[in-house]
Every structure is written in structure tokens, then in C-alpha cells.
Amino acid sequence: MKPAAGYLPFLLALLGIGLAGCSGSNGMMPTPTPTPIPFFSGLFEIDAVSNTDFPVFRLQGNLTQNGNSMSGIMHLAMLSCVSFNTDIQVTGTLSNPDGLRFDLAMVLPGGQNLSFSMSHPDGTFFPGTYSFTGAAGCGVPDAGGAMLHGMGLTGAWRATFISSSGTTSQMNLALTQTGPDAHGFFSATGTATITGGTCFSSATVDPASLLIGSASLLILDNSQPGTSGKTILQGNFGPLPFGGESFVGTYTSTLGACSESGKVFMDTP
């Protein structure tokens, strides 16, 4: 069956529109728009272990993404030759040849160069390697394994307090991570309700709290007017294997003559 007489010109015109849309004005295929590298800026922790010696150390602080570049301020823990409060400037790049790759570099106060190269397809945990180069400073030049992970701690948390006497209490906490400040440190605001124990039943998060991953300090102020009670939590924030965050540590609660201490576990539902 032959097409109707007016149908063929219409079909050719339609095909011409489609080809023009594909080729552009110069007859070439248009350059595809680069896909942004998926990541986020915020709180990060890097754990490192030497291949040849015992040194184990940790970096904690802020990393900020700007396109494919990274920058930030981090702090060295577990190395006695550098104070944790020393600001360490970090620069780096992101690439995604096979999943997401991180390359970071920094110069330590003693003049040594510390660099990391880490990657992972799903962007949750980043295993990789590190290297010290340059004259001996914090340790002999060496290399080892490293693991980077980021933490977003804003959200709803549930907690269980177990006092040294065996009393169990529950807490619901609405936490908002704040910062970083000029030194790459994070704090928090929020409110909490506590049932079953501790020295008070409602609290606000004290901005003096320090959220840095491991060895964090979370301070809860009694929210009843005219009182000064505090519950101080010390421990480790970290990602759970299948999503979400956790906190494991100890607590001390005081209000007037009331004093209670024990262990605490928190997670994000």
C-alpha cells in the first residue's frame, strides 16, 4: 500500500527536524554536560594505620567540596608530636573514573607531607592508603592503610542510658549539627526528652558541645527554668554498617544533690 500523496513530504520534514535537533548548527553531536560528582561538605574522619610500624592516627574536621576540588581544616589525634588543637590545612581533588576517588594532601607542622588516596563505588566508606614523605617529623617516612568516612549527625536520635546502679533510661533527641567554625570544629543545637531516670527529664543541647566523630562531647542542659543541671555524654559518633549513625560512650548527669553516671548508646531510627 502506497502512502498518501501528502504524507511523504510531511514525514521528510519531520525527519529533518529530528536530525537538526540532534546535530546542532554545525552538524556535530553536542558535547554532553559533565555529570557533577556526588558528594557533600561537612564532618569527616580518617583513620590510618602504618604498614611497617605501630603508629595509628586519626584526622578529624571539616572538608568542603567546590566542584571537583576539596579543602578544609582537620586535626590530628593520637600523635603526641602534634597538638589536637593545631589547624591543619587540607587540599584535595575528587574524581570518578571507577566510582568516587579522593586524593588529599597536607603539610604537618614539622614540614612532613601527608597524603591520602581513597576510593569506593558507593560513596559511603572510602578505604585507601596514606604516605608520609619528607624529613622525619612526627615519625619516619612510611605508608599504610586508611579509611575515610563522613558523618551527617542532624536528625532524630534515640538513646538508652544504663546507670552504674543498673537503672535504665530512654531519651529522644532532636539534634541539629552546626558549624564548622573557623577551626573546622562542629557543634550542635537541639532538644531532648528523657524518661525513666537521669537527674532531669528535659534538656537542650549546649552549644559548647563538640561533634568531631570519635571522642566527641555532647552536653545536655536541664531545660527547667532556674536550674543548672547537666548531662555530659563522651564517646564516639560513627556510621552504622547498613546506614544511619550511632554514638557509644559514657555519661554523667548532675542536678543539685543528684548525681548519676553510666553507659549510653544512641542511634538514628
Protein backbone atom coordinates (compact mmCIF):
# COMPACT_ATOMS: atom_id res chain seq x y z
CA MET A 1 0.00 0.00 0.00
CA LYS A 2 1.46 3.38 -1.01
CA PRO A 3 1.40 6.34 1.42
CA ALA A 4 -0.97 9.16 0.68
CA ALA A 5 0.45 11.88 -1.54
CA GLY A 6 0.68 14.48 1.22
CA TYR A 7 2.15 12.11 3.78
CA LEU A 8 5.67 11.68 2.35
CA PRO A 9 6.63 15.41 2.42
CA PHE A 10 5.33 15.61 5.99
CA LEU A 11 7.42 12.58 7.02
CA LEU A 12 10.59 14.00 5.43
CA ALA A 13 10.05 17.34 7.14
CA LEU A 14 9.59 15.66 10.49
CA LEU A 15 12.78 13.63 9.99
CA GLY A 16 14.68 16.77 9.10
CA ILE A 17 13.56 18.46 12.36
CA GLY A 18 14.76 15.45 14.35
CA LEU A 19 18.17 15.42 12.66
CA ALA A 20 18.60 19.15 13.16
CA GLY A 21 17.82 18.77 16.85
CA CYS A 22 20.46 16.05 17.23
CA SER A 23 23.29 17.63 15.27
CA GLY A 24 23.12 21.28 16.21
CA SER A 25 24.05 24.12 13.91
CA ASN A 26 27.48 22.73 12.96
CA GLY A 27 26.33 19.20 12.17
CA MET A 28 28.24 17.75 15.14
CA MET A 29 26.81 15.94 18.14
CA PRO A 30 26.52 18.35 21.11
CA THR A 31 29.05 17.99 23.93
CA PRO A 32 27.35 16.26 26.88
CA THR A 33 27.09 18.22 30.13
CA PRO A 34 29.54 16.80 32.70
CA THR A 35 27.82 14.90 35.49
CA PRO A 36 28.57 16.53 38.86
CA ILE A 37 30.50 14.32 41.25
CA PRO A 38 28.09 13.39 44.07
CA PHE A 39 29.44 14.29 47.47
CA PHE A 40 28.83 16.60 50.38
CA SER A 41 30.70 19.03 52.58
CA GLY A 42 30.86 18.54 56.33
CA LEU A 43 32.35 16.44 59.12
CA PHE A 44 34.89 13.77 58.16
CA GLU A 45 37.14 11.33 59.98
CA ILE A 46 40.16 9.46 58.58
CA ASP A 47 41.69 6.51 60.45
CA ALA A 48 45.19 5.40 59.43
CA VAL A 49 47.49 2.51 60.36
CA SER A 50 51.15 2.13 59.33
CA ASN A 51 52.24 -0.88 57.26
CA THR A 52 55.66 -1.13 58.92
CA ASP A 53 55.38 0.40 62.38
CA PHE A 54 52.80 0.70 65.13
CA PRO A 55 51.71 4.34 64.61
CA VAL A 56 47.97 4.67 64.41
CA PHE A 57 46.50 8.14 63.97
CA ARG A 58 43.26 9.90 63.11
CA LEU A 59 42.29 13.09 61.29
CA GLN A 60 39.01 14.83 62.13
CA GLY A 61 37.41 18.03 60.91
CA ASN A 62 35.79 19.79 58.01
CA LEU A 63 36.09 19.15 54.28
CA THR A 64 34.31 21.38 51.77
CA GLN A 65 33.58 20.48 48.16
CA ASN A 66 33.85 23.07 45.39
CA GLY A 67 33.26 21.27 42.11
CA ASN A 68 36.00 18.66 41.84
CA SER A 69 38.18 20.33 44.48
CA MET A 70 38.25 19.77 48.23
CA SER A 71 39.59 21.98 51.01
CA GLY A 72 39.24 22.18 54.76
CA ILE A 73 40.75 22.20 58.23
CA MET A 74 41.35 18.96 60.09
CA HIS A 75 43.01 17.93 63.36
CA LEU A 76 45.43 15.14 64.18
CA ALA A 77 44.56 12.82 67.05
CA MET A 78 46.70 10.06 68.59
CA LEU A 79 50.04 11.59 67.53
CA SER A 80 51.80 13.16 70.51
CA CYS A 81 54.03 15.38 68.37
CA VAL A 82 51.09 17.48 67.11
CA SER A 83 48.51 19.06 69.40
CA PHE A 84 44.93 18.15 68.50
CA ASN A 85 44.05 21.86 68.51
CA THR A 86 46.54 22.56 65.69
CA ASP A 87 44.73 23.58 62.50
CA ILE A 88 45.95 21.53 59.52
CA GLN A 89 45.04 22.91 56.10
CA VAL A 90 43.88 20.22 53.68
CA THR A 91 43.53 20.41 49.90
CA GLY A 92 42.39 17.72 47.51
CA THR A 93 40.57 16.60 44.40
CA LEU A 94 37.60 14.39 43.57
CA SER A 95 37.38 12.18 40.51
CA ASN A 96 35.17 9.32 39.41
CA PRO A 97 36.96 7.01 36.96
CA ASP A 98 35.53 3.92 38.70
CA GLY A 99 33.33 5.15 41.50
CA LEU A 100 34.35 8.11 43.62
CA ARG A 101 38.02 8.77 44.36
CA PHE A 102 39.52 11.09 46.97
CA ASP A 103 43.07 12.50 46.88
CA LEU A 104 44.02 14.69 49.84
CA ALA A 105 47.27 16.45 50.77
CA MET A 106 48.51 18.43 53.77
CA VAL A 107 51.74 19.69 55.32
CA LEU A 108 52.28 18.90 59.01
CA PRO A 109 53.78 21.48 61.41
CA GLY A 110 57.17 19.71 61.27
CA GLY A 111 57.30 20.06 57.49
CA GLN A 112 56.37 16.49 56.53
CA ASN A 113 53.90 15.93 53.73
CA LEU A 114 50.93 13.68 54.45
CA SER A 115 48.80 12.46 51.55
CA PHE A 116 45.83 10.12 51.15
CA SER A 117 44.32 8.31 48.18
CA MET A 118 40.94 6.62 48.77
CA SER A 119 38.05 5.41 46.67
CA HIS A 120 34.85 3.39 46.80
CA PRO A 121 31.99 2.78 44.35
CA ASP A 122 29.10 3.61 46.68
CA GLY A 123 30.48 6.74 48.37
CA THR A 124 29.88 5.60 51.98
CA PHE A 125 33.24 4.35 53.23
CA PHE A 126 36.50 5.18 51.45
CA PRO A 127 39.31 2.67 52.01
CA GLY A 128 42.73 3.54 50.66
CA THR A 129 46.31 4.39 51.53
CA TYR A 130 48.37 7.16 53.06
CA SER A 131 52.02 8.19 52.89
CA PHE A 132 54.41 10.34 54.92
CA THR A 133 57.17 11.92 52.86
CA GLY A 134 59.95 14.34 53.66
CA ALA A 135 62.37 14.53 56.55
CA ALA A 136 61.43 12.72 59.75
CA GLY A 137 58.94 14.73 61.75
CA CYS A 138 56.08 13.01 63.54
CA GLY A 139 57.57 9.68 62.52
CA VAL A 140 59.82 8.04 59.99
CA PRO A 141 58.61 8.39 56.40
CA ASP A 142 56.32 5.46 55.73
CA ALA A 143 52.97 4.41 54.27
CA GLY A 144 49.92 2.49 55.37
CA GLY A 145 46.21 1.89 55.06
CA ALA A 146 43.49 4.46 55.66
CA MET A 147 39.70 4.69 55.89
CA LEU A 148 37.66 7.87 55.41
CA HIS A 149 34.01 8.36 56.25
CA GLY A 150 31.71 11.34 56.52
CA MET A 151 29.05 11.96 59.14
CA GLY A 152 25.83 13.94 58.97
CA LEU A 153 24.55 14.00 62.56
CA THR A 154 21.45 16.16 62.14
CA GLY A 155 18.24 14.25 62.78
CA ALA A 156 16.17 12.30 65.29
CA TRP A 157 18.11 10.15 67.77
CA ARG A 158 17.02 7.62 70.37
CA ALA A 159 19.22 6.77 73.34
CA THR A 160 19.45 4.26 76.17
CA PHE A 161 21.21 5.21 79.39
CA ILE A 162 22.32 2.41 81.73
CA SER A 163 23.45 3.78 85.08
CA SER A 164 26.17 2.21 87.20
CA SER A 165 23.41 1.05 89.57
CA GLY A 166 21.54 -0.71 86.73
CA THR A 167 18.75 1.83 86.17
CA THR A 168 17.73 2.21 82.52
CA SER A 169 16.51 5.46 80.96
CA GLN A 170 15.40 6.38 77.46
CA MET A 171 15.91 9.62 75.54
CA ASN A 172 14.53 11.08 72.32
CA LEU A 173 16.83 13.74 70.92
CA ALA A 174 16.27 16.15 68.03
CA LEU A 175 19.81 17.14 67.03
CA THR A 176 20.98 19.79 64.58
CA GLN A 177 24.67 19.74 63.68
CA THR A 178 26.13 23.25 63.44
CA GLY A 179 29.39 24.61 62.05
CA PRO A 180 32.08 24.31 61.08
CA ASP A 181 33.72 27.17 62.91
CA ALA A 182 36.93 28.85 61.75
CA HIS A 183 38.94 25.87 63.04
CA GLY A 184 36.90 23.14 61.36
CA PHE A 185 35.05 22.09 64.53
CA PHE A 186 31.34 21.26 64.67
CA SER A 187 28.82 21.79 67.46
CA ALA A 188 25.05 21.26 67.78
CA THR A 189 21.71 22.58 68.96
CA GLY A 190 18.57 20.64 69.81
CA THR A 191 16.11 19.42 72.42
CA ALA A 192 15.69 16.17 74.32
CA THR A 193 13.13 14.38 76.48
CA ILE A 194 14.26 11.72 78.96
CA THR A 195 12.11 9.10 80.67
CA GLY A 196 12.85 6.59 83.39
CA GLY A 197 15.81 8.19 85.14
CA THR A 198 18.81 10.55 85.00
CA CYS A 199 18.66 13.74 87.06
CA PHE A 200 16.16 15.61 84.85
CA SER A 201 13.59 14.85 82.17
CA SER A 202 14.02 17.55 79.51
CA ALA A 203 17.06 19.27 78.08
CA THR A 204 18.52 21.50 75.41
CA VAL A 205 21.81 20.85 73.63
CA ASP A 206 24.56 23.14 74.88
CA PRO A 207 26.44 24.91 72.02
CA ALA A 208 29.68 24.10 73.86
CA SER A 209 29.21 20.53 72.60
CA LEU A 210 31.98 19.28 70.30
CA LEU A 211 30.96 16.90 67.49
CA ILE A 212 34.10 15.51 65.83
CA GLY A 213 33.31 11.81 65.35
CA SER A 214 35.40 9.78 67.80
CA ALA A 215 35.99 11.40 71.22
CA SER A 216 33.00 13.75 70.86
CA LEU A 217 31.45 15.73 73.71
CA LEU A 218 27.66 16.21 73.80
CA ILE A 219 26.37 18.43 76.62
CA LEU A 220 22.69 18.49 77.59
CA ASP A 221 21.46 21.37 79.80
CA ASN A 222 18.45 20.92 82.04
CA SER A 223 15.72 22.97 80.36
CA GLN A 224 13.72 23.66 83.55
CA PRO A 225 14.00 27.43 84.23
CA GLY A 226 16.21 28.45 87.11
CA THR A 227 18.24 25.23 87.20
CA SER A 228 21.78 24.38 86.12
CA GLY A 229 21.84 20.59 85.80
CA LYS A 230 23.83 18.96 83.02
CA THR A 231 24.13 15.54 81.42
CA ILE A 232 27.50 15.18 79.70
CA LEU A 233 28.00 12.44 77.11
CA GLN A 234 31.51 11.49 75.98
CA GLY A 235 32.08 8.93 73.25
CA ASN A 236 32.23 8.11 69.57
CA PHE A 237 29.90 9.09 66.75
CA GLY A 238 30.21 6.90 63.68
CA PRO A 239 28.28 5.43 60.75
CA LEU A 240 26.43 2.15 61.10
CA PRO A 241 27.30 -0.57 58.52
CA PHE A 242 23.89 -0.50 56.81
CA GLY A 243 23.07 3.19 57.07
CA GLY A 244 22.41 5.65 59.86
CA GLU A 245 24.65 6.86 62.65
CA SER A 246 25.44 5.70 66.18
CA PHE A 247 27.01 7.01 69.39
CA VAL A 248 28.62 4.80 72.03
CA GLY A 249 30.07 6.22 75.23
CA THR A 250 29.60 7.19 78.84
CA TYR A 251 27.53 9.85 80.59
CA THR A 252 27.39 11.79 83.83
CA SER A 253 24.19 13.53 84.95
CA THR A 254 24.07 16.08 87.78
CA LEU A 255 21.42 18.39 89.23
CA GLY A 256 21.90 19.68 92.74
CA ALA A 257 22.43 16.69 95.03
CA CYS A 258 21.51 14.27 92.22
CA SER A 259 24.45 12.54 90.52
CA GLU A 260 24.32 9.61 88.13
CA SER A 261 26.74 8.07 85.65
CA GLY A 262 26.95 5.06 83.38
CA LYS A 263 26.97 3.97 79.75
CA VAL A 264 24.96 5.35 76.85
CA PHE A 265 24.12 4.13 73.35
CA MET A 266 22.38 6.26 70.70
CA ASP A 267 21.36 5.65 67.12
CA THR A 268 19.23 7.20 64.39
CA PRO A 269 15.96 5.25 63.86
